[in-house]
Every structure is written in structure tokens, then in C-alpha cells.
Amino acid sequence: MSIKRKAPVGILGFPITPFTINNKVDEQMLEKNIQFLLAEGLEAIFAACAAGEYPSLSKEEYKSIVEVAVSVTGGKVPVYTGVGGNIQTSLELAQISADKGADGYLILPPYLVSGEQAGLADYFKTIAESTNLNAIVYQRDNVYLSISTLAALAKVPQVVGVKDGLGNMELNTLLTQTFKERFSWINGMPLAEVTMPAYVPLGFESYSSAISNYIPHISRKFYNGVLSGDQETVNEIYQYVILPINKIRSQCKGYAVSLIKAGMEIIGIPAGQTVRRPILPVEKEHYAEMETILKNAMDRFPKETSIQSI
């Protein structure tokens, strides 16, 4: 079967992993979360990635999450998974993703040990070539991708996209100008809506949206405003939604995950009972601030159509 060598374009859904009070993966709740994202028109599902607390999952939990994502999505949109960190584990999870019917995976960087560019190229290349699935490489934290590294990866058909979580716009300009349409370019900055207007002129067509887990209609309204040049709408959503949420998110490490679950709970979307350590739940004062922000956001930017029942 021919595989389309193209990364998803648009707003990408990164569902959380809901856990029960006994710290087990709640598969039924995960199904509802993914159904919600599909009903809201997100262009892809990225399961068991950072928002899904990928580093904390056992291999069996990972399998079950991929199975749920592929089953619920039913081919409506592509399903990508998260692999990365330990290369041996990554190769196993890449194969699981292929066996379970995923369309591709996002390769997170290796952590703790920093490698030279040649080593990083081999790391991403080895994982990408281990299956026939599409692969998106992710630069963030201690890993940036040089022109020479991307030149090596450009020779690998499976590598279809580059996700940026560094925010180095000089580097992004060099990379996009050098490789242009060879890769799809994805904004993976924390709360990517904050920076998306700066990324679009460079050729970035997609971003991972944390707030789409609970207010996807506002993320869509914002993105449409960015693409159409509706600066009034962009500024209004910045002022009343994105920047206030980003201010809270910046208060504590781990809020990139736990604040998503708090937002979902406030809106009334099932989010599970806990997060896994070292991530901590949102503090009460920040939770109260989120409640105020989201109430005002929903009043100012009401949903124009009702979502599918979850």
C-alpha cells in the first residue's frame, strides 16, 4: 500500500492520558477525549506524546493507548504516536506503532546525554528507518538540528516533518529557507498559539495545540484569524485567552500537562483523576484563575455550533 509522505497540516490534537484514582490508564475516558477532538475538526491525533505523559507509560499502557487512538479515529485523520528518549525503547515503540496501525510517529529527542550533530542524525535516522511509517523529528530542550543533520535526514523518505520547540527564529529561517517544501514545518512551542503568527511567514503550516483539549473552537478562531490577517480577532484572543493562560502555564514546571487536565475539568470534559510524578496537579490559586479565564473566554467567544455529545 502506498504511503502518503506528508505530515498533517493544521491544528494537531495531542490528547492527554487520563488516569483513574488508582493510577491506571482510563481507556473509556481516552476514547471520549479523542472523539471530542475529532468532532472539533482537529487535523490529526498524536497519542502518547508529551501531553499524554509519554515518559511515564509502561509498554503495555502504550500499546493500549495506540490501539484506542487507531480504533476511535477509524482512518478519519492520521494517528501519530510519541517515541524518543532511550533509542532501544524507541525502536520497540516504533514497531508497536506500526503493528497497531498508526500512520506515523513524532520522534522526541534523546535526553540527559547530549550528542554531536552526526550522532543526532544517526539517532533520528535509525528510528525513522526502523519501520515504513512517517516520522516527524522534534528539536527542543538540549537538541537543535543543524543544516547538515537535516540534509542527512532529507535522504530518508520516512522523515516528513520537523517540529520546533526551541523558538530560535534565526535557525528556523535558515532551515526553512534551505529545505523549503522537503519537510512539513510544525510549531511545537509551549502554548504554540503564542508564537504562531511569527511562524506562519516562515512556512510553518501546523501546530500542536494544548488548549484544543478544552477550547478548540477558540484555537481555530485564532488560527483562522492569523491566516486571514484578521489582526483584531488575533489581538482580542491574545488579550483575553492565550496570554492569560500562558501566564499561568509559566508558573510551574509540569503545567504543560497538568494545566490541560485542569482546563478540561473546568470546561466539563473528562480528564482523569491524576497526573504522574514528577508532574504535580495545578495549585488551587492557579486553578481558580483558570476558572475565571475560561468563563470569560466562553462568554466572549461562545461556540457557534454544539459539539458532538461525549
Protein backbone atom coordinates (compact mmCIF):
# COMPACT_ATOMS: atom_id res chain seq x y z
CA MET A 1 0.00 0.00 0.00
CA SER A 2 1.34 3.41 -0.95
CA ILE A 3 2.03 5.75 1.98
CA LYS A 4 1.46 9.46 1.61
CA ARG A 5 4.76 11.08 2.58
CA LYS A 6 3.25 14.23 4.03
CA ALA A 7 2.80 15.36 7.62
CA PRO A 8 -0.63 16.57 8.78
CA VAL A 9 -1.40 20.24 8.17
CA GLY A 10 -3.44 22.45 10.51
CA ILE A 11 -4.19 22.21 14.22
CA LEU A 12 -2.86 18.97 15.65
CA GLY A 13 -4.55 17.26 18.59
CA PHE A 14 -2.42 15.99 21.44
CA PRO A 15 -4.81 14.18 23.81
CA ILE A 16 -3.90 13.75 27.45
CA THR A 17 -3.74 10.30 29.03
CA PRO A 18 -6.49 10.09 31.65
CA PHE A 19 -5.67 8.04 34.73
CA THR A 20 -8.04 6.52 37.28
CA ILE A 21 -7.79 7.22 41.00
CA ASN A 22 -5.70 4.01 41.15
CA ASN A 23 -3.27 5.41 38.56
CA LYS A 24 -4.40 3.17 35.70
CA VAL A 25 -5.00 4.33 32.13
CA ASP A 26 -8.73 5.03 31.71
CA GLU A 27 -9.33 3.76 28.17
CA GLN A 28 -13.01 4.73 28.06
CA MET A 29 -12.21 8.29 29.04
CA LEU A 30 -9.41 8.39 26.44
CA GLU A 31 -11.94 7.31 23.80
CA LYS A 32 -14.20 10.22 24.75
CA ASN A 33 -11.30 12.68 24.65
CA ILE A 34 -10.32 11.59 21.15
CA GLN A 35 -13.95 11.63 19.98
CA PHE A 36 -14.16 15.23 21.22
CA LEU A 37 -11.06 16.25 19.26
CA LEU A 38 -12.39 14.56 16.12
CA ALA A 39 -15.78 16.24 16.50
CA GLU A 40 -14.00 19.59 16.76
CA GLY A 41 -12.22 19.03 13.45
CA LEU A 42 -8.61 18.70 14.54
CA GLU A 43 -6.47 17.52 11.65
CA ALA A 44 -4.57 14.70 13.40
CA ILE A 45 -4.32 12.79 16.66
CA PHE A 46 -0.92 12.50 18.36
CA ALA A 47 -1.40 9.89 21.08
CA ALA A 48 1.02 9.00 23.88
CA CYS A 49 3.18 12.08 23.29
CA ALA A 50 4.34 14.66 25.83
CA ALA A 51 0.82 15.89 26.65
CA GLY A 52 -0.07 12.22 27.08
CA GLU A 53 2.72 11.79 29.67
CA TYR A 54 4.67 9.53 27.34
CA PRO A 55 7.75 9.15 29.59
CA SER A 56 5.62 7.70 32.40
CA LEU A 57 3.87 4.98 30.38
CA SER A 58 4.63 1.29 30.52
CA LYS A 59 4.91 -0.64 27.27
CA GLU A 60 1.53 -2.29 27.86
CA GLU A 61 -0.11 1.06 28.57
CA TYR A 62 1.44 2.48 25.42
CA LYS A 63 0.02 -0.40 23.36
CA SER A 64 -3.46 0.13 24.74
CA ILE A 65 -3.35 3.89 24.07
CA VAL A 66 -2.28 3.37 20.46
CA GLU A 67 -4.99 0.75 19.99
CA VAL A 68 -7.64 3.12 21.34
CA ALA A 69 -6.44 6.03 19.18
CA VAL A 70 -6.38 3.99 15.97
CA SER A 71 -9.74 2.36 16.71
CA VAL A 72 -11.59 5.56 17.64
CA THR A 73 -10.07 7.60 14.82
CA GLY A 74 -11.03 4.95 12.27
CA GLY A 75 -8.97 6.48 9.49
CA LYS A 76 -10.74 9.85 9.65
CA VAL A 77 -7.45 11.63 10.37
CA PRO A 78 -3.86 10.40 10.73
CA VAL A 79 -2.75 8.93 14.05
CA TYR A 80 0.79 9.63 15.21
CA THR A 81 2.45 8.34 18.36
CA GLY A 82 5.32 9.51 20.52
CA VAL A 83 8.68 7.74 20.52
CA GLY A 84 12.03 9.00 21.72
CA GLY A 85 14.43 9.19 24.63
CA ASN A 86 16.08 5.79 25.02
CA ILE A 87 16.83 4.61 21.49
CA GLN A 88 16.25 0.91 22.19
CA THR A 89 12.87 1.59 23.75
CA SER A 90 12.08 3.96 20.90
CA LEU A 91 12.70 1.23 18.35
CA GLU A 92 10.34 -1.10 20.23
CA LEU A 93 7.62 1.54 20.45
CA ALA A 94 8.05 2.44 16.79
CA GLN A 95 7.40 -1.19 15.90
CA ILE A 96 4.38 -1.31 18.21
CA SER A 97 3.03 1.79 16.45
CA ALA A 98 3.45 0.10 13.09
CA ASP A 99 1.89 -3.14 14.28
CA LYS A 100 -1.12 -1.35 15.78
CA GLY A 101 -1.86 0.62 12.61
CA ALA A 102 -0.59 4.13 13.37
CA ASP A 103 0.29 6.41 10.45
CA GLY A 104 3.50 7.75 11.91
CA TYR A 105 5.32 8.92 14.99
CA LEU A 106 6.84 12.02 16.48
CA ILE A 107 10.45 11.31 17.45
CA LEU A 108 11.24 13.15 20.67
CA PRO A 109 14.91 13.99 21.36
CA PRO A 110 17.23 11.86 23.45
CA TYR A 111 17.52 13.28 26.94
CA LEU A 112 20.27 13.80 29.53
CA VAL A 113 23.09 12.80 27.18
CA SER A 114 23.76 15.41 24.50
CA GLY A 115 25.15 14.12 21.21
CA GLU A 116 27.05 15.70 18.37
CA GLN A 117 25.05 16.54 15.25
CA ALA A 118 26.26 13.40 13.48
CA GLY A 119 25.08 11.33 16.44
CA LEU A 120 21.71 13.07 16.46
CA ALA A 121 21.33 12.46 12.73
CA ASP A 122 22.01 8.75 13.29
CA TYR A 123 19.59 8.66 16.22
CA PHE A 124 16.67 10.11 14.25
CA LYS A 125 17.61 8.18 11.10
CA THR A 126 17.80 4.84 12.90
CA ILE A 127 14.35 5.25 14.43
CA ALA A 128 12.79 6.65 11.24
CA GLU A 129 14.12 3.81 9.10
CA SER A 130 13.09 1.09 11.56
CA THR A 131 9.56 0.99 10.07
CA ASN A 132 7.83 2.31 6.96
CA LEU A 133 5.73 4.80 8.93
CA ASN A 134 6.07 8.55 8.52
CA ALA A 135 8.33 10.26 11.04
CA ILE A 136 8.44 13.82 12.37
CA VAL A 137 11.64 14.88 14.15
CA TYR A 138 11.44 17.21 17.12
CA GLN A 139 14.02 19.79 18.13
CA ARG A 140 13.64 21.06 21.69
CA ASP A 141 15.39 21.37 25.05
CA ASN A 142 19.02 20.28 24.55
CA VAL A 143 18.62 19.32 20.87
CA TYR A 144 18.76 21.56 17.83
CA LEU A 145 19.06 20.31 14.25
CA SER A 146 21.75 21.77 12.03
CA ILE A 147 21.58 22.09 8.25
CA SER A 148 23.95 19.12 7.92
CA THR A 149 21.74 16.98 10.17
CA LEU A 150 18.58 17.82 8.23
CA ALA A 151 20.43 17.24 4.96
CA ALA A 152 21.12 13.69 6.14
CA LEU A 153 17.51 13.22 7.23
CA ALA A 154 16.23 14.64 3.94
CA LYS A 155 17.56 11.48 2.29
CA VAL A 156 15.24 9.35 4.46
CA PRO A 157 11.80 9.13 2.79
CA GLN A 158 10.09 8.35 6.09
CA VAL A 159 11.08 11.72 7.59
CA VAL A 160 8.26 14.01 6.52
CA GLY A 161 8.35 16.83 9.04
CA VAL A 162 10.27 18.93 11.52
CA LYS A 163 8.70 20.14 14.75
CA ASP A 164 10.29 23.08 16.52
CA GLY A 165 10.15 23.57 20.27
CA LEU A 166 13.18 25.85 20.59
CA GLY A 167 11.90 29.15 19.25
CA ASN A 168 15.22 30.06 17.65
CA MET A 169 13.84 32.06 14.73
CA GLU A 170 17.22 32.61 13.10
CA LEU A 171 17.73 28.84 12.98
CA ASN A 172 14.15 28.31 11.79
CA THR A 173 14.69 30.79 8.98
CA LEU A 174 17.89 29.05 7.88
CA LEU A 175 16.25 25.61 7.95
CA THR A 176 13.03 26.57 6.17
CA GLN A 177 14.90 28.54 3.52
CA THR A 178 17.30 25.66 2.94
CA PHE A 179 14.83 22.78 2.78
CA LYS A 180 11.56 24.56 1.90
CA GLU A 181 8.86 22.02 0.95
CA ARG A 182 11.05 18.96 1.56
CA PHE A 183 9.70 18.93 5.12
CA SER A 184 6.45 19.99 6.68
CA TRP A 185 7.14 22.53 9.42
CA ILE A 186 5.31 22.28 12.74
CA ASN A 187 5.30 24.75 15.63
CA GLY A 188 5.80 22.79 18.84
CA MET A 189 6.48 25.66 21.22
CA PRO A 190 4.77 25.61 24.63
CA LEU A 191 1.29 27.05 24.07
CA ALA A 192 2.05 27.34 20.38
CA GLU A 193 -0.69 29.91 19.76
CA VAL A 194 1.56 32.48 21.45
CA THR A 195 4.17 32.25 18.68
CA MET A 196 2.20 31.01 15.66
CA PRO A 197 1.87 34.45 13.97
CA ALA A 198 5.68 34.61 13.82
CA TYR A 199 5.97 31.06 12.43
CA VAL A 200 3.45 31.26 9.58
CA PRO A 201 5.58 33.56 7.33
CA LEU A 202 8.43 31.02 7.55
CA GLY A 203 6.27 28.24 6.10
CA PHE A 204 5.00 26.60 9.29
CA GLU A 205 1.54 25.25 8.46
CA SER A 206 0.76 23.29 11.63
CA TYR A 207 0.98 23.50 15.38
CA SER A 208 0.28 21.35 18.39
CA SER A 209 -2.47 22.94 20.45
CA ALA A 210 -2.72 22.32 24.19
CA ILE A 211 -5.83 24.48 24.55
CA SER A 212 -7.60 22.47 21.85
CA ASN A 213 -8.12 19.82 24.50
CA TYR A 214 -10.70 22.10 26.13
CA ILE A 215 -11.39 25.21 23.97
CA PRO A 216 -10.65 24.03 20.42
CA HIS A 217 -13.13 26.45 18.86
CA ILE A 218 -11.08 29.37 20.19
CA SER A 219 -7.83 27.90 18.91
CA ARG A 220 -9.49 27.50 15.50
CA LYS A 221 -10.82 31.05 15.55
CA PHE A 222 -7.35 32.31 16.44
CA TYR A 223 -5.60 30.30 13.70
CA ASN A 224 -8.14 31.39 11.10
CA GLY A 225 -7.51 34.97 12.19
CA VAL A 226 -3.76 34.52 11.81
CA LEU A 227 -4.10 33.04 8.32
CA SER A 228 -6.61 35.64 7.10
CA GLY A 229 -4.80 38.62 8.59
CA ASP A 230 -7.66 39.43 10.98
CA GLN A 231 -5.44 41.20 13.50
CA GLU A 232 -8.36 42.48 15.56
CA THR A 233 -9.52 38.94 16.33
CA VAL A 234 -5.96 37.74 16.94
CA ASN A 235 -5.31 40.58 19.39
CA GLU A 236 -8.59 40.01 21.23
CA ILE A 237 -7.91 36.29 21.73
CA TYR A 238 -4.34 37.07 22.79
CA GLN A 239 -5.58 39.55 25.40
CA TYR A 240 -8.41 37.56 26.92
CA VAL A 241 -7.39 33.93 26.46
CA ILE A 242 -3.94 32.95 25.24
CA LEU A 243 -1.67 35.28 27.17
CA PRO A 244 -3.54 34.88 30.49
CA ILE A 245 -3.40 31.08 30.18
CA ASN A 246 0.25 31.25 29.17
CA LYS A 247 1.00 33.36 32.27
CA ILE A 248 -0.37 30.59 34.48
CA ARG A 249 1.34 27.85 32.47
CA SER A 250 4.68 29.54 33.07
CA GLN A 251 4.26 29.48 36.86
CA CYS A 252 5.21 25.84 37.46
CA LYS A 253 7.15 23.12 35.69
CA GLY A 254 4.78 20.41 34.50
CA TYR A 255 1.86 22.74 33.88
CA ALA A 256 2.26 21.99 30.17
CA VAL A 257 0.42 18.78 31.10
CA SER A 258 -1.49 19.36 34.34
CA LEU A 259 -2.96 22.69 33.21
CA ILE A 260 -4.51 20.92 30.22
CA LYS A 261 -6.25 18.49 32.56
CA ALA A 262 -7.39 21.36 34.76
CA GLY A 263 -8.79 23.22 31.76
CA MET A 264 -10.66 20.14 30.61
CA GLU A 265 -12.13 19.61 34.05
CA ILE A 266 -13.26 23.23 34.28
CA ILE A 267 -14.97 23.05 30.88
CA GLY A 268 -16.61 19.75 31.82
CA ILE A 269 -14.58 17.34 29.70
CA PRO A 270 -13.41 14.09 31.38
CA ALA A 271 -9.71 14.37 32.23
CA GLY A 272 -9.00 11.60 34.72
CA GLN A 273 -8.13 11.76 38.38
CA THR A 274 -4.41 12.44 38.49
CA VAL A 275 -1.11 13.19 36.79
CA ARG A 276 2.00 11.08 37.19
CA ARG A 277 5.07 12.24 39.06
CA PRO A 278 7.21 14.24 38.73
CA ILE A 279 4.28 16.31 37.36
CA LEU A 280 2.07 17.87 40.05
CA PRO A 281 -1.58 18.92 39.88
CA VAL A 282 -2.43 22.57 39.36
CA GLU A 283 -2.32 24.61 42.57
CA LYS A 284 -5.66 25.86 43.92
CA GLU A 285 -4.98 29.54 43.27
CA HIS A 286 -3.95 28.83 39.66
CA TYR A 287 -6.98 26.58 39.19
CA ALA A 288 -9.23 29.43 40.35
CA GLU A 289 -7.52 31.79 37.92
CA MET A 290 -8.10 29.30 35.09
CA GLU A 291 -11.78 29.09 36.01
CA THR A 292 -12.12 32.85 35.67
CA ILE A 293 -10.20 32.99 32.39
CA LEU A 294 -12.20 30.16 30.82
CA LYS A 295 -15.56 31.55 31.96
CA ASN A 296 -14.69 34.89 30.40
CA ALA A 297 -13.35 33.18 27.28
CA MET A 298 -16.53 31.17 26.76
CA ASP A 299 -18.67 34.27 27.33
CA ARG A 300 -16.63 36.36 24.90
CA PHE A 301 -16.09 33.61 22.31
CA PRO A 302 -19.10 31.26 22.56
CA LYS A 303 -19.24 28.12 20.49
CA GLU A 304 -21.12 28.71 17.28
CA THR A 305 -22.16 25.07 16.97
CA SER A 306 -22.71 22.41 19.58
CA ILE A 307 -20.11 19.68 19.82
CA GLN A 308 -20.84 16.00 19.46
CA SER A 309 -22.01 14.51 22.76
CA ILE A 310 -19.20 12.93 24.76
